[in-house]
Amino acid sequence: MSQKKINYPLKNTLNLLDNRFKFEIIFYLTQNKMRFGEIKSSLLHINQQLLAKLLKQLEKDKLIKKKEFKGFPKKVEYSITFFGLLFKPLVDNMHKWEEKNKKTLLKNINKKNSDSLYDYY
């Protein structure tokens, strides 16, 4: 008996970029090489531990690379890989869409913030 092959669109991509901060990190690194502190200050509401974990995951998935420089204090720089650079059109289009729809997005965000938690149950 043959099983029907089921297609799950975007499954692999979304598993790779399973966190909203990963999209932002890739967006920033497609523009410039950055140090840890620069990345952290570019992201809203992320703690140091989470950022370190996400950077390790992105590095393991070959989307970014980490370069350590000798000397004191220790200097580490992150940059995008060729594989990660393939996401540039995606994150650039997401950024353009956000800019084009900023009014609606802000209105929706403000509405969400004013909704009661119980509205979702």
PDB file of N, CA and C in Angstrom:
ATOM      1  N   MET A   1       0.848  -1.168   0.000  1.00  0.00           N
ATOM      2  CA  MET A   1       0.000   0.000   0.000  1.00  0.00           C
ATOM      3  C   MET A   1       0.904   1.246   0.000  1.00  0.00           C
ATOM      4  N   SER A   2       0.678   2.145  -0.944  1.00  0.00           N
ATOM      5  CA  SER A   2       1.483   3.371  -0.984  1.00  0.00           C
ATOM      6  C   SER A   2       0.784   4.481  -0.219  1.00  0.00           C
ATOM      7  N   GLN A   3       1.625   5.232   0.478  1.00  0.00           N
ATOM      8  CA  GLN A   3       1.060   6.352   1.230  1.00  0.00           C
ATOM      9  C   GLN A   3       1.097   7.606   0.361  1.00  0.00           C
ATOM     10  N   LYS A   4       0.078   8.394   0.512  1.00  0.00           N
ATOM     11  CA  LYS A   4       0.011   9.663  -0.211  1.00  0.00           C
ATOM     12  C   LYS A   4       1.020  10.620   0.417  1.00  0.00           C
ATOM     13  N   LYS A   5       1.840  11.231  -0.420  1.00  0.00           N
ATOM     14  CA  LYS A   5       2.820  12.195   0.067  1.00  0.00           C
ATOM     15  C   LYS A   5       2.110  13.519   0.348  1.00  0.00           C
ATOM     16  N   ILE A   6       2.264  13.989   1.558  1.00  0.00           N
ATOM     17  CA  ILE A   6       1.607  15.236   1.960  1.00  0.00           C
ATOM     18  C   ILE A   6       2.630  16.363   1.906  1.00  0.00           C
ATOM     19  N   ASN A   7       2.243  17.449   1.315  1.00  0.00           N
ATOM     20  CA  ASN A   7       3.107  18.613   1.213  1.00  0.00           C
ATOM     21  C   ASN A   7       2.730  19.630   2.289  1.00  0.00           C
ATOM     22  N   TYR A   8       3.702  20.074   3.034  1.00  0.00           N
ATOM     23  CA  TYR A   8       3.479  21.095   4.061  1.00  0.00           C
ATOM     24  C   TYR A   8       4.256  22.343   3.652  1.00  0.00           C
ATOM     25  N   PRO A   9       3.608  23.244   2.916  1.00  0.00           N
ATOM     26  CA  PRO A   9       4.308  24.441   2.440  1.00  0.00           C
ATOM     27  C   PRO A   9       4.912  25.242   3.594  1.00  0.00           C
ATOM     28  N   LEU A  10       6.101  25.697   3.406  1.00  0.00           N
ATOM     29  CA  LEU A  10       6.839  26.564   4.323  1.00  0.00           C
ATOM     30  C   LEU A  10       7.310  25.874   5.608  1.00  0.00           C
ATOM     31  N   LYS A  11       6.996  24.600   5.790  1.00  0.00           N
ATOM     32  CA  LYS A  11       7.340  23.900   7.032  1.00  0.00           C
ATOM     33  C   LYS A  11       8.836  24.001   7.343  1.00  0.00           C
ATOM     34  N   ASN A  12       9.668  23.672   6.384  1.00  0.00           N
ATOM     35  CA  ASN A  12      11.109  23.672   6.625  1.00  0.00           C
ATOM     36  C   ASN A  12      11.642  25.074   6.882  1.00  0.00           C
ATOM     37  N   THR A  13      11.146  26.031   6.132  1.00  0.00           N
ATOM     38  CA  THR A  13      11.586  27.416   6.323  1.00  0.00           C
ATOM     39  C   THR A  13      11.159  27.943   7.682  1.00  0.00           C
ATOM     40  N   LEU A  14       9.910  27.688   8.062  1.00  0.00           N
ATOM     41  CA  LEU A  14       9.425  28.174   9.351  1.00  0.00           C
ATOM     42  C   LEU A  14      10.082  27.444  10.518  1.00  0.00           C
ATOM     43  N   ASN A  15      10.479  26.193  10.321  1.00  0.00           N
ATOM     44  CA  ASN A  15      11.236  25.496  11.360  1.00  0.00           C
ATOM     45  C   ASN A  15      12.613  26.121  11.531  1.00  0.00           C
ATOM     46  N   LEU A  16      13.189  26.578  10.436  1.00  0.00           N
ATOM     47  CA  LEU A  16      14.499  27.215  10.476  1.00  0.00           C
ATOM     48  C   LEU A  16      14.416  28.589  11.142  1.00  0.00           C
ATOM     49  N   LEU A  17      13.370  29.327  10.826  1.00  0.00           N
ATOM     50  CA  LEU A  17      13.176  30.678  11.375  1.00  0.00           C
ATOM     51  C   LEU A  17      11.960  30.669  12.294  1.00  0.00           C
ATOM     52  N   ASP A  18      12.067  29.933  13.367  1.00  0.00           N
ATOM     53  CA  ASP A  18      10.944  29.683  14.267  1.00  0.00           C
ATOM     54  C   ASP A  18      10.750  30.752  15.335  1.00  0.00           C
ATOM     55  N   ASN A  19      11.412  31.869  15.184  1.00  0.00           N
ATOM     56  CA  ASN A  19      11.331  32.919  16.196  1.00  0.00           C
ATOM     57  C   ASN A  19      11.372  34.265  15.483  1.00  0.00           C
ATOM     58  N   ARG A  20      10.545  35.180  15.914  1.00  0.00           N
ATOM     59  CA  ARG A  20      10.478  36.475  15.218  1.00  0.00           C
ATOM     60  C   ARG A  20      11.800  37.222  15.259  1.00  0.00           C
ATOM     61  N   PHE A  21      12.585  37.015  16.324  1.00  0.00           N
ATOM     62  CA  PHE A  21      13.872  37.701  16.423  1.00  0.00           C
ATOM     63  C   PHE A  21      14.853  37.225  15.352  1.00  0.00           C
ATOM     64  N   LYS A  22      14.717  35.981  14.914  1.00  0.00           N
ATOM     65  CA  LYS A  22      15.624  35.469  13.883  1.00  0.00           C
ATOM     66  C   LYS A  22      15.452  36.248  12.584  1.00  0.00           C
ATOM     67  N   PHE A  23      14.222  36.592  12.244  1.00  0.00           N
ATOM     68  CA  PHE A  23      13.984  37.407  11.047  1.00  0.00           C
ATOM     69  C   PHE A  23      14.673  38.761  11.183  1.00  0.00           C
ATOM     70  N   GLU A  24      14.545  39.368  12.354  1.00  0.00           N
ATOM     71  CA  GLU A  24      15.157  40.678  12.574  1.00  0.00           C
ATOM     72  C   GLU A  24      16.681  40.599  12.533  1.00  0.00           C
ATOM     73  N   ILE A  25      17.242  39.567  13.143  1.00  0.00           N
ATOM     74  CA  ILE A  25      18.700  39.399  13.135  1.00  0.00           C
ATOM     75  C   ILE A  25      19.190  39.269  11.700  1.00  0.00           C
ATOM     76  N   ILE A  26      18.520  38.439  10.923  1.00  0.00           N
ATOM     77  CA  ILE A  26      18.909  38.275   9.517  1.00  0.00           C
ATOM     78  C   ILE A  26      18.764  39.593   8.767  1.00  0.00           C
ATOM     79  N   PHE A  27      17.679  40.315   9.023  1.00  0.00           N
ATOM     80  CA  PHE A  27      17.481  41.616   8.377  1.00  0.00           C
ATOM     81  C   PHE A  27      18.669  42.544   8.652  1.00  0.00           C
ATOM     82  N   TYR A  28      19.061  42.676   9.914  1.00  0.00           N
ATOM     83  CA  TYR A  28      20.172  43.572  10.258  1.00  0.00           C
ATOM     84  C   TYR A  28      21.499  43.091   9.694  1.00  0.00           C
ATOM     85  N   LEU A  29      21.734  41.774   9.755  1.00  0.00           N
ATOM     86  CA  LEU A  29      23.017  41.258   9.282  1.00  0.00           C
ATOM     87  C   LEU A  29      23.135  41.256   7.762  1.00  0.00           C
ATOM     88  N   THR A  30      22.027  41.354   7.039  1.00  0.00           N
ATOM     89  CA  THR A  30      22.130  41.503   5.580  1.00  0.00           C
ATOM     90  C   THR A  30      22.606  42.910   5.225  1.00  0.00           C
ATOM     91  N   GLN A  31      22.533  43.816   6.197  1.00  0.00           N
ATOM     92  CA  GLN A  31      22.951  45.196   5.953  1.00  0.00           C
ATOM     93  C   GLN A  31      24.390  45.457   6.390  1.00  0.00           C
ATOM     94  N   ASN A  32      24.794  44.832   7.513  1.00  0.00           N
ATOM     95  CA  ASN A  32      26.131  45.072   8.070  1.00  0.00           C
ATOM     96  C   ASN A  32      26.563  43.935   8.975  1.00  0.00           C
ATOM     97  N   LYS A  33      27.864  43.799   9.144  1.00  0.00           N
ATOM     98  CA  LYS A  33      28.396  42.937  10.190  1.00  0.00           C
ATOM     99  C   LYS A  33      28.110  43.642  11.508  1.00  0.00           C
ATOM    100  N   MET A  34      27.848  42.878  12.556  1.00  0.00           N
ATOM    101  CA  MET A  34      27.505  43.500  13.841  1.00  0.00           C
ATOM    102  C   MET A  34      28.111  42.717  14.996  1.00  0.00           C
ATOM    103  N   ARG A  35      28.377  43.421  16.070  1.00  0.00           N
ATOM    104  CA  ARG A  35      28.807  42.790  17.301  1.00  0.00           C
ATOM    105  C   ARG A  35      27.571  42.442  18.123  1.00  0.00           C
ATOM    106  N   PHE A  36      27.754  41.592  19.128  1.00  0.00           N
ATOM    107  CA  PHE A  36      26.654  41.118  19.962  1.00  0.00           C
ATOM    108  C   PHE A  36      25.841  42.291  20.528  1.00  0.00           C
ATOM    109  N   GLY A  37      26.520  43.255  21.121  1.00  0.00           N
ATOM    110  CA  GLY A  37      25.839  44.394  21.738  1.00  0.00           C
ATOM    111  C   GLY A  37      25.055  45.229  20.739  1.00  0.00           C
ATOM    112  N   GLU A  38      25.575  45.340  19.534  1.00  0.00           N
ATOM    113  CA  GLU A  38      24.868  46.086  18.490  1.00  0.00           C
ATOM    114  C   GLU A  38      23.579  45.371  18.096  1.00  0.00           C
ATOM    115  N   ILE A  39      23.665  44.051  17.991  1.00  0.00           N
ATOM    116  CA  ILE A  39      22.461  43.275  17.653  1.00  0.00           C
ATOM    117  C   ILE A  39      21.441  43.421  18.773  1.00  0.00           C
ATOM    118  N   LYS A  40      21.904  43.272  20.017  1.00  0.00           N
ATOM    119  CA  LYS A  40      21.001  43.353  21.169  1.00  0.00           C
ATOM    120  C   LYS A  40      20.303  44.710  21.226  1.00  0.00           C
ATOM    121  N   SER A  41      21.040  45.775  20.983  1.00  0.00           N
ATOM    122  CA  SER A  41      20.418  47.111  21.056  1.00  0.00           C
ATOM    123  C   SER A  41      19.480  47.376  19.880  1.00  0.00           C
ATOM    124  N   SER A  42      19.611  46.607  18.803  1.00  0.00           N
ATOM    125  CA  SER A  42      18.722  46.760  17.651  1.00  0.00           C
ATOM    126  C   SER A  42      17.399  46.033  17.828  1.00  0.00           C
ATOM    127  N   LEU A  43      17.356  45.091  18.777  1.00  0.00           N
ATOM    128  CA  LEU A  43      16.161  44.275  18.995  1.00  0.00           C
ATOM    129  C   LEU A  43      15.429  44.748  20.242  1.00  0.00           C
ATOM    130  N   LEU A  44      14.140  44.876  20.123  1.00  0.00           N
ATOM    131  CA  LEU A  44      13.316  45.333  21.235  1.00  0.00           C
ATOM    132  C   LEU A  44      12.900  44.145  22.098  1.00  0.00           C
ATOM    133  N   HIS A  45      13.071  44.255  23.399  1.00  0.00           N
ATOM    134  CA  HIS A  45      12.584  43.262  24.361  1.00  0.00           C
ATOM    135  C   HIS A  45      13.227  41.885  24.217  1.00  0.00           C
ATOM    136  N   ILE A  46      14.537  41.829  24.070  1.00  0.00           N
ATOM    137  CA  ILE A  46      15.224  40.535  24.048  1.00  0.00           C
ATOM    138  C   ILE A  46      16.276  40.548  25.143  1.00  0.00           C
ATOM    139  N   ASN A  47      16.373  39.437  25.864  1.00  0.00           N
ATOM    140  CA  ASN A  47      17.408  39.376  26.892  1.00  0.00           C
ATOM    141  C   ASN A  47      18.664  38.726  26.317  1.00  0.00           C
ATOM    142  N   GLN A  48      19.748  38.869  27.041  1.00  0.00           N
ATOM    143  CA  GLN A  48      21.054  38.414  26.586  1.00  0.00           C
ATOM    144  C   GLN A  48      21.087  36.900  26.349  1.00  0.00           C
ATOM    145  N   GLN A  49      20.452  36.143  27.239  1.00  0.00           N
ATOM    146  CA  GLN A  49      20.468  34.683  27.119  1.00  0.00           C
ATOM    147  C   GLN A  49      19.738  34.220  25.854  1.00  0.00           C
ATOM    148  N   LEU A  50      18.578  34.798  25.590  1.00  0.00           N
ATOM    149  CA  LEU A  50      17.824  34.419  24.401  1.00  0.00           C
ATOM    150  C   LEU A  50      18.593  34.783  23.140  1.00  0.00           C
ATOM    151  N   LEU A  51      19.171  35.968  23.121  1.00  0.00           N
ATOM    152  CA  LEU A  51      19.935  36.387  21.939  1.00  0.00           C
ATOM    153  C   LEU A  51      21.102  35.434  21.696  1.00  0.00           C
ATOM    154  N   ALA A  52      21.826  35.077  22.739  1.00  0.00           N
ATOM    155  CA  ALA A  52      22.956  34.148  22.588  1.00  0.00           C
ATOM    156  C   ALA A  52      22.488  32.811  22.025  1.00  0.00           C
ATOM    157  N   LYS A  53      21.356  32.328  22.521  1.00  0.00           N
ATOM    158  CA  LYS A  53      20.802  31.056  22.052  1.00  0.00           C
ATOM    159  C   LYS A  53      20.416  31.143  20.571  1.00  0.00           C
ATOM    160  N   LEU A  54      19.745  32.220  20.189  1.00  0.00           N
ATOM    161  CA  LEU A  54      19.313  32.382  18.801  1.00  0.00           C
ATOM    162  C   LEU A  54      20.494  32.524  17.847  1.00  0.00           C
ATOM    163  N   LEU A  55      21.518  33.245  18.278  1.00  0.00           N
ATOM    164  CA  LEU A  55      22.706  33.396  17.441  1.00  0.00           C
ATOM    165  C   LEU A  55      23.391  32.045  17.231  1.00  0.00           C
ATOM    166  N   LYS A  56      23.453  31.226  18.281  1.00  0.00           N
ATOM    167  CA  LYS A  56      24.034  29.888  18.157  1.00  0.00           C
ATOM    168  C   LYS A  56      23.223  29.032  17.182  1.00  0.00           C
ATOM    169  N   GLN A  57      21.888  29.129  17.264  1.00  0.00           N
ATOM    170  CA  GLN A  57      21.032  28.363  16.353  1.00  0.00           C
ATOM    171  C   GLN A  57      21.231  28.814  14.903  1.00  0.00           C
ATOM    172  N   LEU A  58      21.256  30.119  14.693  1.00  0.00           N
ATOM    173  CA  LEU A  58      21.446  30.649  13.338  1.00  0.00           C
ATOM    174  C   LEU A  58      22.810  30.250  12.779  1.00  0.00           C
ATOM    175  N   GLU A  59      23.816  30.227  13.653  1.00  0.00           N
ATOM    176  CA  GLU A  59      25.154  29.817  13.239  1.00  0.00           C
ATOM    177  C   GLU A  59      25.168  28.312  12.904  1.00  0.00           C
ATOM    178  N   LYS A  60      24.533  27.518  13.743  1.00  0.00           N
ATOM    179  CA  LYS A  60      24.447  26.071  13.504  1.00  0.00           C
ATOM    180  C   LYS A  60      23.725  25.775  12.192  1.00  0.00           C
ATOM    181  N   ASP A  61      22.704  26.569  11.874  1.00  0.00           N
ATOM    182  CA  ASP A  61      21.934  26.396  10.640  1.00  0.00           C
ATOM    183  C   ASP A  61      22.603  27.039   9.430  1.00  0.00           C
ATOM    184  N   LYS A  62      23.809  27.557   9.633  1.00  0.00           N
ATOM    185  CA  LYS A  62      24.627  28.132   8.545  1.00  0.00           C
ATOM    186  C   LYS A  62      24.032  29.391   7.927  1.00  0.00           C
ATOM    187  N   LEU A  63      23.209  30.108   8.701  1.00  0.00           N
ATOM    188  CA  LEU A  63      22.625  31.356   8.214  1.00  0.00           C
ATOM    189  C   LEU A  63      23.518  32.552   8.537  1.00  0.00           C
ATOM    190  N   ILE A  64      24.256  32.447   9.641  1.00  0.00           N
ATOM    191  CA  ILE A  64      25.198  33.499  10.020  1.00  0.00           C
ATOM    192  C   ILE A  64      26.519  32.843  10.401  1.00  0.00           C
ATOM    193  N   LYS A  65      27.560  33.671  10.472  1.00  0.00           N
ATOM    194  CA  LYS A  65      28.840  33.161  10.961  1.00  0.00           C
ATOM    195  C   LYS A  65      29.384  34.107  12.020  1.00  0.00           C
ATOM    196  N   LYS A  66      30.145  33.518  12.900  1.00  0.00           N
ATOM    197  CA  LYS A  66      30.706  34.243  14.037  1.00  0.00           C
ATOM    198  C   LYS A  66      32.218  34.287  13.860  1.00  0.00           C
ATOM    199  N   LYS A  67      32.782  35.469  14.011  1.00  0.00           N
ATOM    200  CA  LYS A  67      34.228  35.630  13.920  1.00  0.00           C
ATOM    201  C   LYS A  67      34.725  36.187  15.245  1.00  0.00           C
ATOM    202  N   GLU A  68      35.650  35.459  15.843  1.00  0.00           N
ATOM    203  CA  GLU A  68      36.225  35.898  17.110  1.00  0.00           C
ATOM    204  C   GLU A  68      37.605  36.490  16.848  1.00  0.00           C
ATOM    205  N   PHE A  69      37.862  37.652  17.450  1.00  0.00           N
ATOM    206  CA  PHE A  69      39.138  38.322  17.291  1.00  0.00           C
ATOM    207  C   PHE A  69      39.969  38.106  18.555  1.00  0.00           C
ATOM    208  N   LYS A  70      41.259  37.976  18.364  1.00  0.00           N
ATOM    209  CA  LYS A  70      42.160  37.811  19.506  1.00  0.00           C
ATOM    210  C   LYS A  70      42.325  39.150  20.211  1.00  0.00           C
ATOM    211  N   GLY A  71      42.668  39.060  21.488  1.00  0.00           N
ATOM    212  CA  GLY A  71      42.910  40.273  22.237  1.00  0.00           C
ATOM    213  C   GLY A  71      41.947  40.430  23.387  1.00  0.00           C
ATOM    214  N   PHE A  72      42.177  41.502  24.117  1.00  0.00           N
ATOM    215  CA  PHE A  72      41.328  41.805  25.260  1.00  0.00           C
ATOM    216  C   PHE A  72      40.874  43.236  25.139  1.00  0.00           C
ATOM    217  N   PRO A  73      39.634  43.548  25.324  1.00  0.00           N
ATOM    218  CA  PRO A  73      38.541  42.620  25.607  1.00  0.00           C
ATOM    219  C   PRO A  73      38.214  41.785  24.375  1.00  0.00           C
ATOM    220  N   LYS A  74      37.576  40.666  24.628  1.00  0.00           N
ATOM    221  CA  LYS A  74      37.207  39.745  23.561  1.00  0.00           C
ATOM    222  C   LYS A  74      36.244  40.451  22.605  1.00  0.00           C
ATOM    223  N   LYS A  75      36.508  40.316  21.320  1.00  0.00           N
ATOM    224  CA  LYS A  75      35.640  40.927  20.308  1.00  0.00           C
ATOM    225  C   LYS A  75      35.083  39.830  19.413  1.00  0.00           C
ATOM    226  N   VAL A  76      33.772  39.830  19.240  1.00  0.00           N
ATOM    227  CA  VAL A  76      33.085  38.867  18.385  1.00  0.00           C
ATOM    228  C   VAL A  76      32.227  39.644  17.404  1.00  0.00           C
ATOM    229  N   GLU A  77      32.263  39.211  16.165  1.00  0.00           N
ATOM    230  CA  GLU A  77      31.497  39.877  15.123  1.00  0.00           C
ATOM    231  C   GLU A  77      30.662  38.834  14.380  1.00  0.00           C
ATOM    232  N   TYR A  78      29.425  39.186  14.089  1.00  0.00           N
ATOM    233  CA  TYR A  78      28.521  38.293  13.366  1.00  0.00           C
ATOM    234  C   TYR A  78      28.275  38.861  11.979  1.00  0.00           C
ATOM    235  N   SER A  79      28.188  37.949  11.009  1.00  0.00           N
ATOM    236  CA  SER A  79      27.888  38.366   9.642  1.00  0.00           C
ATOM    237  C   SER A  79      26.992  37.314   8.995  1.00  0.00           C
ATOM    238  N   ILE A  80      26.398  37.694   7.909  1.00  0.00           N
ATOM    239  CA  ILE A  80      25.485  36.813   7.187  1.00  0.00           C
ATOM    240  C   ILE A  80      26.308  35.890   6.287  1.00  0.00           C
ATOM    241  N   THR A  81      25.864  34.670   6.114  1.00  0.00           N
ATOM    242  CA  THR A  81      26.503  33.744   5.174  1.00  0.00           C
ATOM    243  C   THR A  81      25.822  33.876   3.818  1.00  0.00           C
ATOM    244  N   PHE A  82      26.374  33.209   2.825  1.00  0.00           N
ATOM    245  CA  PHE A  82      25.731  33.212   1.513  1.00  0.00           C
ATOM    246  C   PHE A  82      24.333  32.608   1.619  1.00  0.00           C
ATOM    247  N   PHE A  83      24.214  31.512   2.373  1.00  0.00           N
ATOM    248  CA  PHE A  83      22.915  30.856   2.572  1.00  0.00           C
ATOM    249  C   PHE A  83      21.939  31.813   3.253  1.00  0.00           C
ATOM    250  N   GLY A  84      22.388  32.530   4.283  1.00  0.00           N
ATOM    251  CA  GLY A  84      21.536  33.497   4.971  1.00  0.00           C
ATOM    252  C   GLY A  84      21.157  34.664   4.084  1.00  0.00           C
ATOM    253  N   LEU A  85      22.071  35.038   3.192  1.00  0.00           N
ATOM    254  CA  LEU A  85      21.818  36.156   2.284  1.00  0.00           C
ATOM    255  C   LEU A  85      20.673  35.852   1.318  1.00  0.00           C
ATOM    256  N   LEU A  86      20.385  34.581   1.134  1.00  0.00           N
ATOM    257  CA  LEU A  86      19.262  34.207   0.263  1.00  0.00           C
ATOM    258  C   LEU A  86      17.916  34.651   0.852  1.00  0.00           C
ATOM    259  N   PHE A  87      17.901  34.963   2.165  1.00  0.00           N
ATOM    260  CA  PHE A  87      16.684  35.476   2.806  1.00  0.00           C
ATOM    261  C   PHE A  87      16.516  36.983   2.628  1.00  0.00           C
ATOM    262  N   LYS A  88      17.527  37.654   2.094  1.00  0.00           N
ATOM    263  CA  LYS A  88      17.463  39.117   1.960  1.00  0.00           C
ATOM    264  C   LYS A  88      16.219  39.599   1.222  1.00  0.00           C
ATOM    265  N   PRO A  89      15.873  39.038   0.054  1.00  0.00           N
ATOM    266  CA  PRO A  89      14.648  39.518  -0.615  1.00  0.00           C
ATOM    267  C   PRO A  89      13.399  39.347   0.251  1.00  0.00           C
ATOM    268  N   LEU A  90      13.337  38.271   1.009  1.00  0.00           N
ATOM    269  CA  LEU A  90      12.180  38.025   1.878  1.00  0.00           C
ATOM    270  C   LEU A  90      12.086  39.081   2.979  1.00  0.00           C
ATOM    271  N   VAL A  91      13.181  39.293   3.712  1.00  0.00           N
ATOM    272  CA  VAL A  91      13.117  40.259   4.812  1.00  0.00           C
ATOM    273  C   VAL A  91      12.997  41.690   4.294  1.00  0.00           C
ATOM    274  N   ASP A  92      13.585  41.970   3.139  1.00  0.00           N
ATOM    275  CA  ASP A  92      13.418  43.309   2.547  1.00  0.00           C
ATOM    276  C   ASP A  92      11.961  43.549   2.165  1.00  0.00           C
ATOM    277  N   ASN A  93      11.315  42.547   1.585  1.00  0.00           N
ATOM    278  CA  ASN A  93       9.899  42.691   1.228  1.00  0.00           C
ATOM    279  C   ASN A  93       9.012  42.798   2.462  1.00  0.00           C
ATOM    280  N   MET A  94       9.343  42.068   3.510  1.00  0.00           N
ATOM    281  CA  MET A  94       8.587  42.188   4.762  1.00  0.00           C
ATOM    282  C   MET A  94       8.717  43.610   5.307  1.00  0.00           C
ATOM    283  N   HIS A  95       9.929  44.165   5.226  1.00  0.00           N
ATOM    284  CA  HIS A  95      10.168  45.528   5.709  1.00  0.00           C
ATOM    285  C   HIS A  95       9.382  46.543   4.878  1.00  0.00           C
ATOM    286  N   LYS A  96       9.379  46.387   3.558  1.00  0.00           N
ATOM    287  CA  LYS A  96       8.616  47.288   2.680  1.00  0.00           C
ATOM    288  C   LYS A  96       7.117  47.191   2.975  1.00  0.00           C
ATOM    289  N   TRP A  97       6.632  45.974   3.158  1.00  0.00           N
ATOM    290  CA  TRP A  97       5.213  45.768   3.465  1.00  0.00           C
ATOM    291  C   TRP A  97       4.854  46.448   4.778  1.00  0.00           C
ATOM    292  N   GLU A  98       5.738  46.303   5.775  1.00  0.00           N
ATOM    293  CA  GLU A  98       5.490  46.940   7.068  1.00  0.00           C
ATOM    294  C   GLU A  98       5.436  48.462   6.938  1.00  0.00           C
ATOM    295  N   GLU A  99       6.377  49.027   6.203  1.00  0.00           N
ATOM    296  CA  GLU A  99       6.398  50.483   6.007  1.00  0.00           C
ATOM    297  C   GLU A  99       5.141  50.956   5.289  1.00  0.00           C
ATOM    298  N   LYS A 100       4.706  50.208   4.288  1.00  0.00           N
ATOM    299  CA  LYS A 100       3.528  50.575   3.507  1.00  0.00           C
ATOM    300  C   LYS A 100       2.251  50.489   4.350  1.00  0.00           C
ATOM    301  N   ASN A 101       2.212  49.591   5.305  1.00  0.00           N
ATOM    302  CA  ASN A 101       1.006  49.331   6.091  1.00  0.00           C
ATOM    303  C   ASN A 101       1.140  49.755   7.557  1.00  0.00           C
ATOM    304  N   LYS A 102       2.038  50.670   7.824  1.00  0.00           N
ATOM    305  CA  LYS A 102       2.345  51.064   9.205  1.00  0.00           C
ATOM    306  C   LYS A 102       1.117  51.553   9.976  1.00  0.00           C
ATOM    307  N   LYS A 103       0.287  52.373   9.337  1.00  0.00           N
ATOM    308  CA  LYS A 103      -0.902  52.902  10.030  1.00  0.00           C
ATOM    309  C   LYS A 103      -1.821  51.780  10.497  1.00  0.00           C
ATOM    310  N   THR A 104      -2.123  50.874   9.591  1.00  0.00           N
ATOM    311  CA  THR A 104      -3.017  49.752   9.924  1.00  0.00           C
ATOM    312  C   THR A 104      -2.396  48.862  10.987  1.00  0.00           C
ATOM    313  N   LEU A 105      -1.108  48.591  10.847  1.00  0.00           N
ATOM    314  CA  LEU A 105      -0.426  47.741  11.826  1.00  0.00           C
ATOM    315  C   LEU A 105      -0.461  48.361  13.220  1.00  0.00           C
ATOM    316  N   LEU A 106      -0.161  49.648  13.309  1.00  0.00           N
ATOM    317  CA  LEU A 106      -0.164  50.324  14.609  1.00  0.00           C
ATOM    318  C   LEU A 106      -1.565  50.345  15.215  1.00  0.00           C
ATOM    319  N   LYS A 107      -2.560  50.560  14.371  1.00  0.00           N
ATOM    320  CA  LYS A 107      -3.944  50.542  14.831  1.00  0.00           C
ATOM    321  C   LYS A 107      -4.303  49.165  15.392  1.00  0.00           C
ATOM    322  N   ASN A 108      -3.922  48.114  14.681  1.00  0.00           N
ATOM    323  CA  ASN A 108      -4.193  46.750  15.143  1.00  0.00           C
ATOM    324  C   ASN A 108      -3.436  46.416  16.419  1.00  0.00           C
ATOM    325  N   ILE A 109      -2.195  46.861  16.525  1.00  0.00           N
ATOM    326  CA  ILE A 109      -1.397  46.611  17.728  1.00  0.00           C
ATOM    327  C   ILE A 109      -2.029  47.320  18.924  1.00  0.00           C
ATOM    328  N   ASN A 110      -2.441  48.566  18.733  1.00  0.00           N
ATOM    329  CA  ASN A 110      -3.086  49.305  19.820  1.00  0.00           C
ATOM    330  C   ASN A 110      -4.393  48.644  20.239  1.00  0.00           C
ATOM    331  N   LYS A 111      -5.148  48.126  19.282  1.00  0.00           N
ATOM    332  CA  LYS A 111      -6.397  47.436  19.594  1.00  0.00           C
ATOM    333  C   LYS A 111      -6.113  46.170  20.397  1.00  0.00           C
ATOM    334  N   LYS A 112      -5.098  45.411  19.989  1.00  0.00           N
ATOM    335  CA  LYS A 112      -4.723  44.197  20.727  1.00  0.00           C
ATOM    336  C   LYS A 112      -4.351  44.531  22.164  1.00  0.00           C
ATOM    337  N   ASN A 113      -3.579  45.597  22.333  1.00  0.00           N
ATOM    338  CA  ASN A 113      -3.141  45.986  23.674  1.00  0.00           C
ATOM    339  C   ASN A 113      -4.305  46.397  24.560  1.00  0.00           C
ATOM    340  N   SER A 114      -5.359  46.927  23.957  1.00  0.00           N
ATOM    341  CA  SER A 114      -6.489  47.368  24.757  1.00  0.00           C
ATOM    342  C   SER A 114      -7.515  46.246  24.989  1.00  0.00           C
ATOM    343  N   ASP A 115      -7.420  45.168  24.205  1.00  0.00           N
ATOM    344  CA  ASP A 115      -8.325  44.025  24.403  1.00  0.00           C
ATOM    345  C   ASP A 115      -8.006  43.335  25.721  1.00  0.00           C
ATOM    346  N   SER A 116      -9.007  42.761  26.287  1.00  0.00           N
ATOM    347  CA  SER A 116      -8.829  41.991  27.511  1.00  0.00           C
ATOM    348  C   SER A 116      -8.259  40.626  27.159  1.00  0.00           C
ATOM    349  N   LEU A 117      -7.496  40.077  28.058  1.00  0.00           N
ATOM    350  CA  LEU A 117      -6.961  38.732  27.901  1.00  0.00           C
ATOM    351  C   LEU A 117      -8.083  37.736  27.708  1.00  0.00           C
ATOM    352  N   TYR A 118      -9.219  37.981  28.368  1.00  0.00           N
ATOM    353  CA  TYR A 118     -10.332  37.053  28.317  1.00  0.00           C
ATOM    354  C   TYR A 118     -11.052  37.062  26.968  1.00  0.00           C
ATOM    355  N   ASP A 119     -10.767  38.065  26.129  1.00  0.00           N
ATOM    356  CA  ASP A 119     -11.374  38.108  24.799  1.00  0.00           C
ATOM    357  C   ASP A 119     -10.880  36.983  23.906  1.00  0.00           C
ATOM    358  N   TYR A 120      -9.785  36.358  24.290  1.00  0.00           N
ATOM    359  CA  TYR A 120      -9.189  35.309  23.465  1.00  0.00           C
ATOM    360  C   TYR A 120      -9.592  33.923  23.886  1.00  0.00           C
ATOM    361  N   TYR A 121     -10.475  33.794  24.860  1.00  0.00           N
ATOM    362  CA  TYR A 121     -10.890  32.472  25.352  1.00  0.00           C
ATOM    363  C   TYR A 121     -12.358  32.230  25.093  1.00  0.00           C
TER     364      TYR A 121
END
